[in-house]
Protein backbone atom coordinates (compact mmCIF):
# COMPACT_ATOMS: atom_id res chain seq x y z
CA LYS A 1 -10.98 146.55 90.64
CA GLY A 2 -8.84 147.29 87.60
CA LYS A 3 -6.00 148.65 89.57
CA GLY A 4 -6.02 145.65 91.86
CA LYS A 5 -5.69 143.13 89.04
CA ASP A 6 -2.73 144.90 87.45
CA LYS A 7 -0.87 145.05 90.71
CA GLY A 8 -1.45 141.37 91.44
CA LYS A 9 -0.28 140.18 88.06
CA GLY A 10 2.84 142.28 88.17
CA LYS A 11 3.88 141.02 91.51
CA GLY A 12 3.28 137.42 90.54
CA LYS A 13 5.44 137.61 87.45
CA LYS A 14 8.22 139.23 89.31
CA GLY A 15 8.17 136.49 91.97
CA LYS A 16 8.27 133.66 89.41
CA GLY A 17 11.08 135.23 87.45
CA LYS A 18 13.24 135.68 90.46
CA GLY A 19 12.73 132.12 91.68
CA LYS A 20 13.45 130.40 88.35
CA GLY A 21 16.45 132.50 87.54
CA LYS A 22 18.18 131.88 90.79
CA GLY A 23 17.53 128.15 90.77
CA LYS A 24 18.73 127.48 87.26
CA PHE A 25 21.85 129.60 87.50
CA LYS A 26 23.04 128.26 90.79
CA GLY A 27 22.34 124.61 89.94
CA LYS A 28 24.04 124.65 86.57
CA GLY A 29 26.97 126.68 87.73
CA LYS A 30 27.83 124.45 90.67
CA GLY A 31 27.43 121.24 88.74
CA GLU A 32 29.66 122.27 85.84
CA ASP A 33 32.32 123.72 88.09
CA GLY A 34 32.42 120.57 90.20
CA GLU A 35 32.62 118.19 87.24
CA GLY A 36 35.24 120.32 85.51
CA GLY A 37 37.32 120.56 88.68
CA ASP A 38 37.35 116.77 89.18
CA LYS A 39 38.44 116.07 85.63
CA ASP A 40 41.25 118.62 85.79
CA GLY A 41 42.38 117.20 89.13
CA GLU A 42 42.52 113.66 87.70
CA LYS A 43 44.52 114.86 84.70
CA LYS A 44 46.96 116.80 86.85
CA GLU A 45 47.51 113.85 89.19
CA GLY A 46 48.08 111.53 86.24
CA GLU A 47 50.49 113.95 84.58
CA GLU A 48 52.45 114.50 87.80
CA GLY A 49 52.66 110.75 88.50
CA GLY A 50 53.92 110.02 85.00
CA ALA A 51 56.49 112.81 85.13
CA GLU A 52 57.74 111.65 88.52
CA GLY A 53 58.10 108.08 87.28
CA GLU A 54 60.02 109.22 84.21
CA ALA A 55 62.28 111.40 86.36
CA LYS A 56 63.06 108.48 88.69
CA GLU A 57 63.75 106.18 85.76
CA LYS A 58 66.03 108.75 84.14
CA SER A 59 67.86 109.42 87.42
CA GLY A 60 68.45 105.68 87.94
CA VAL A 61 69.84 105.21 84.45
CA GLY A 62 71.89 108.40 84.80
CA SER A 63 73.54 107.24 88.04
CA ILE A 64 74.52 103.91 86.45
CA VAL A 65 75.97 105.64 83.41
CA SER A 66 77.84 108.10 85.64
CA ALA A 67 79.31 105.28 87.76
CA GLN A 68 80.40 103.40 84.63
CA ARG A 69 82.01 106.55 83.24
CA GLU A 70 83.94 107.19 86.47
CA ALA A 71 85.16 103.57 86.60
CA ARG A 72 86.30 103.81 82.99
CA GLN A 73 88.16 107.05 83.71
CA ARG A 74 89.93 105.48 86.71
CA GLU A 75 90.89 102.47 84.63
CA GLU A 76 92.20 104.68 81.82
CA GLY A 77 94.12 106.78 84.38
CA ARG A 78 96.01 103.72 85.59
CA PHE A 79 97.34 103.08 82.10
CA SER A 80 97.59 106.63 80.85
CA PRO A 81 100.98 107.70 79.44
CA ILE A 82 101.42 110.35 82.13
CA VAL A 83 100.75 107.98 85.04
CA SER A 84 102.95 105.28 83.51
CA ALA A 85 105.78 107.77 82.97
CA GLN A 86 105.56 108.98 86.58
CA ARG A 87 105.60 105.43 87.91
CA ASP A 88 108.59 104.49 85.74
CA ALA A 89 110.50 107.59 86.86
CA ARG A 90 109.83 106.78 90.53
CA MET A 91 111.03 103.20 90.05
CA ARG A 92 114.22 104.37 88.30
CA PHE A 93 114.90 106.86 91.07
CA GLU A 94 114.38 104.23 93.78
CA LYS A 95 116.62 101.69 92.03
CA ASP A 96 119.39 104.26 91.51
CA VAL A 97 119.47 105.18 95.22
CA LEU A 98 119.23 101.58 96.41
CA ASP A 99 122.08 100.51 94.12
CA ARG A 100 124.32 103.12 95.77
CA ILE A 101 123.65 102.02 99.35
CA GLN A 102 123.74 98.22 99.07
CA GLY A 103 126.01 96.37 101.47
CA ARG A 104 127.03 96.49 105.10
CA TRP A 105 127.10 99.65 107.24
CA VAL A 106 127.92 100.42 110.85
CA ASP A 107 126.40 103.03 113.15
CA GLU A 108 128.63 106.08 113.65
CA THR A 109 127.89 106.33 117.39
CA ASP A 110 127.64 102.61 118.15
CA SER A 111 130.02 100.29 116.31
CA ASN A 112 128.09 97.26 117.58
CA THR A 113 125.01 98.26 115.60
CA THR A 114 125.15 97.25 111.96
CA TYR A 115 122.89 97.77 108.96
CA VAL A 116 122.87 95.41 105.98
CA VAL A 117 121.01 96.60 102.89
CA GLU A 118 119.80 93.90 100.50
CA GLY A 119 117.45 95.08 97.80
CA ASN A 120 114.99 97.41 99.51
CA VAL A 121 115.29 95.76 102.94
CA CYS A 122 117.56 96.97 105.75
CA SER A 123 118.48 94.38 108.41
CA VAL A 124 119.40 96.03 111.71
CA SER A 125 121.32 94.08 114.35
CA SER A 126 123.30 94.87 117.50
CA GLY A 127 126.39 93.11 118.85
CA ASP A 128 124.83 92.47 122.26
CA GLY A 129 122.75 89.60 120.93
CA GLY A 130 119.52 91.57 121.01
CA ARG A 131 116.67 91.12 118.65
CA GLY A 132 117.27 92.19 115.04
CA PHE A 133 114.89 94.15 112.84
CA ARG A 134 114.10 94.28 109.16
CA ASN A 135 113.00 97.66 107.85
CA ARG A 136 111.89 98.74 104.41
CA LEU A 137 113.62 101.37 102.28
CA SER A 138 111.40 102.97 99.67
CA VAL A 139 110.67 106.19 97.83
CA TYR A 140 108.11 108.50 99.41
CA GLY A 141 107.37 111.42 97.13
CA VAL A 142 110.83 112.75 96.25
CA GLU A 143 112.54 111.26 99.31
CA MET A 144 114.18 107.93 100.08
CA CYS A 145 112.51 106.84 103.30
CA TRP A 146 113.83 104.44 105.93
CA ASP A 147 110.73 103.20 107.71
CA ALA A 148 111.69 101.83 111.13
CA ARG A 149 107.98 101.66 112.19
CA ARG A 150 108.52 103.52 115.46
CA PHE A 151 110.05 106.43 113.51
CA TRP A 152 111.21 107.14 109.99
CA HIS A 153 114.07 109.03 108.34
CA TYR A 154 114.81 110.60 104.99
CA LEU A 155 118.18 110.02 103.35
CA ASN A 156 120.32 113.10 102.67
CA LEU A 157 120.28 112.75 98.89
CA GLN A 158 122.38 115.85 98.31
CA GLU A 159 125.30 114.34 100.24
CA LEU A 160 124.75 110.97 98.61
CA TYR A 161 125.04 112.31 95.06
CA ALA A 162 127.91 114.62 96.03
CA ALA A 163 129.92 111.53 97.02
CA GLY A 164 129.64 110.09 93.52
CA ASP A 165 130.31 106.37 93.17
CA ASN A 166 132.43 106.18 96.31
CA VAL A 167 129.82 106.48 99.07
CA GLU A 168 131.35 106.06 102.54
CA LYS A 169 128.75 107.82 104.65
CA LEU A 170 124.96 108.06 104.74
CA GLU A 171 123.02 110.65 106.70
CA TRP A 172 119.49 109.76 107.72
CA ASN A 173 117.59 112.81 108.98
CA PRO A 174 114.30 112.62 110.92
CA ALA A 175 111.29 113.11 108.68
CA LYS A 176 109.22 116.16 109.55
CA ASP A 177 106.14 114.05 110.35
CA SER A 178 108.02 111.34 112.27
CA PRO A 179 107.74 110.80 116.02
CA PRO A 180 110.64 112.37 117.95
CA THR A 181 113.99 110.87 116.97
CA GLN A 182 117.51 111.97 116.04
CA GLN A 183 119.81 111.87 113.06
CA ILE A 184 121.43 108.49 112.37
CA VAL A 185 124.66 108.23 110.40
CA TRP A 186 125.86 105.08 108.68
CA LEU A 187 129.52 104.46 107.89
CA LYS A 188 130.60 102.05 105.20
CA ALA A 189 131.80 98.76 106.73
CA PRO A 190 133.81 96.00 105.09
CA PRO A 191 131.92 92.79 104.33
CA LEU A 192 132.18 90.03 106.91
CA PRO A 193 134.61 87.16 106.31
CA GLU A 194 133.02 84.21 104.57
CA GLY A 195 132.76 82.06 107.71
CA GLU A 196 131.24 84.82 109.80
CA GLU A 197 128.81 85.69 107.03
CA GLU A 198 127.53 82.12 106.92
CA ALA A 199 127.20 82.03 110.71
CA LYS A 200 125.30 85.30 110.65
CA GLU A 201 122.93 83.97 108.01
CA GLU A 202 122.28 80.89 110.15
CA ASP A 203 121.51 83.07 113.17
CA GLU A 204 119.10 85.16 111.12
CA ALA A 205 117.40 82.00 109.85
CA LYS A 206 116.96 80.80 113.46
CA GLU A 207 115.47 84.15 114.42
CA GLU A 208 112.98 83.93 111.56
CA GLU A 209 111.97 80.41 112.61
CA ALA A 210 111.57 81.56 116.22
CA LYS A 211 109.33 84.44 115.09
CA GLU A 212 107.16 82.10 113.03
CA GLY A 213 106.88 79.73 116.00
CA GLY A 214 105.95 82.57 118.36
CA GLU A 215 109.20 82.29 120.32
CA GLU A 216 111.47 85.20 121.10
CA PRO A 217 114.92 85.07 119.43
CA ALA A 218 116.74 85.35 122.77
CA ALA A 219 114.77 82.42 124.21
CA ALA A 220 115.55 80.37 121.10
CA ALA A 221 119.27 81.08 121.52
CA GLU A 222 119.19 79.94 125.16
CA ALA A 223 117.33 76.77 124.21
CA SER A 224 119.97 75.93 121.60
């Protein structure tokens, strides 16, 4: 009998201890971990959302400031001493060349084709009564360019300056990036007599009116 009671009590205590210990430990552990994990998750999400909003706000302000800075730099560049000096030098160079080639010229290979330079405009006309053209003469980089639209030429500046103040001949060489064309040489021509000059100006005025009215110059001449 005595041995039986001791064995029963010992087993009972061991069973209770095991049951309580496991229940309390597992219940508390899971509950605390779960609550703690949710709170940390909420904090992290809030922190990340706030940081992202601040980053977007900063990036928006930064892009505006950057754009304003670039616009200010472009505006300052337009009026900077270096840019102004370069522009003035180009204008002086262009004026110097244009002053040397003003007047009336005739084509070396076709005496019926004439070129009249007034300012920076070259009026091209042929003696056969064909349509005339007005082309622009302007500086392109370090070259004086004759832009005939279909092709363009660069003036031989070395020959021009070598002639000094008495320029009798102009060599226009094809530009390297121009469509296929050939060298054109102008020879100095005497100005037209006063009567012929007035008649020529009237013809040019009629051509301009015909162009504005959508009528070809040749058709206008026949109608008159």
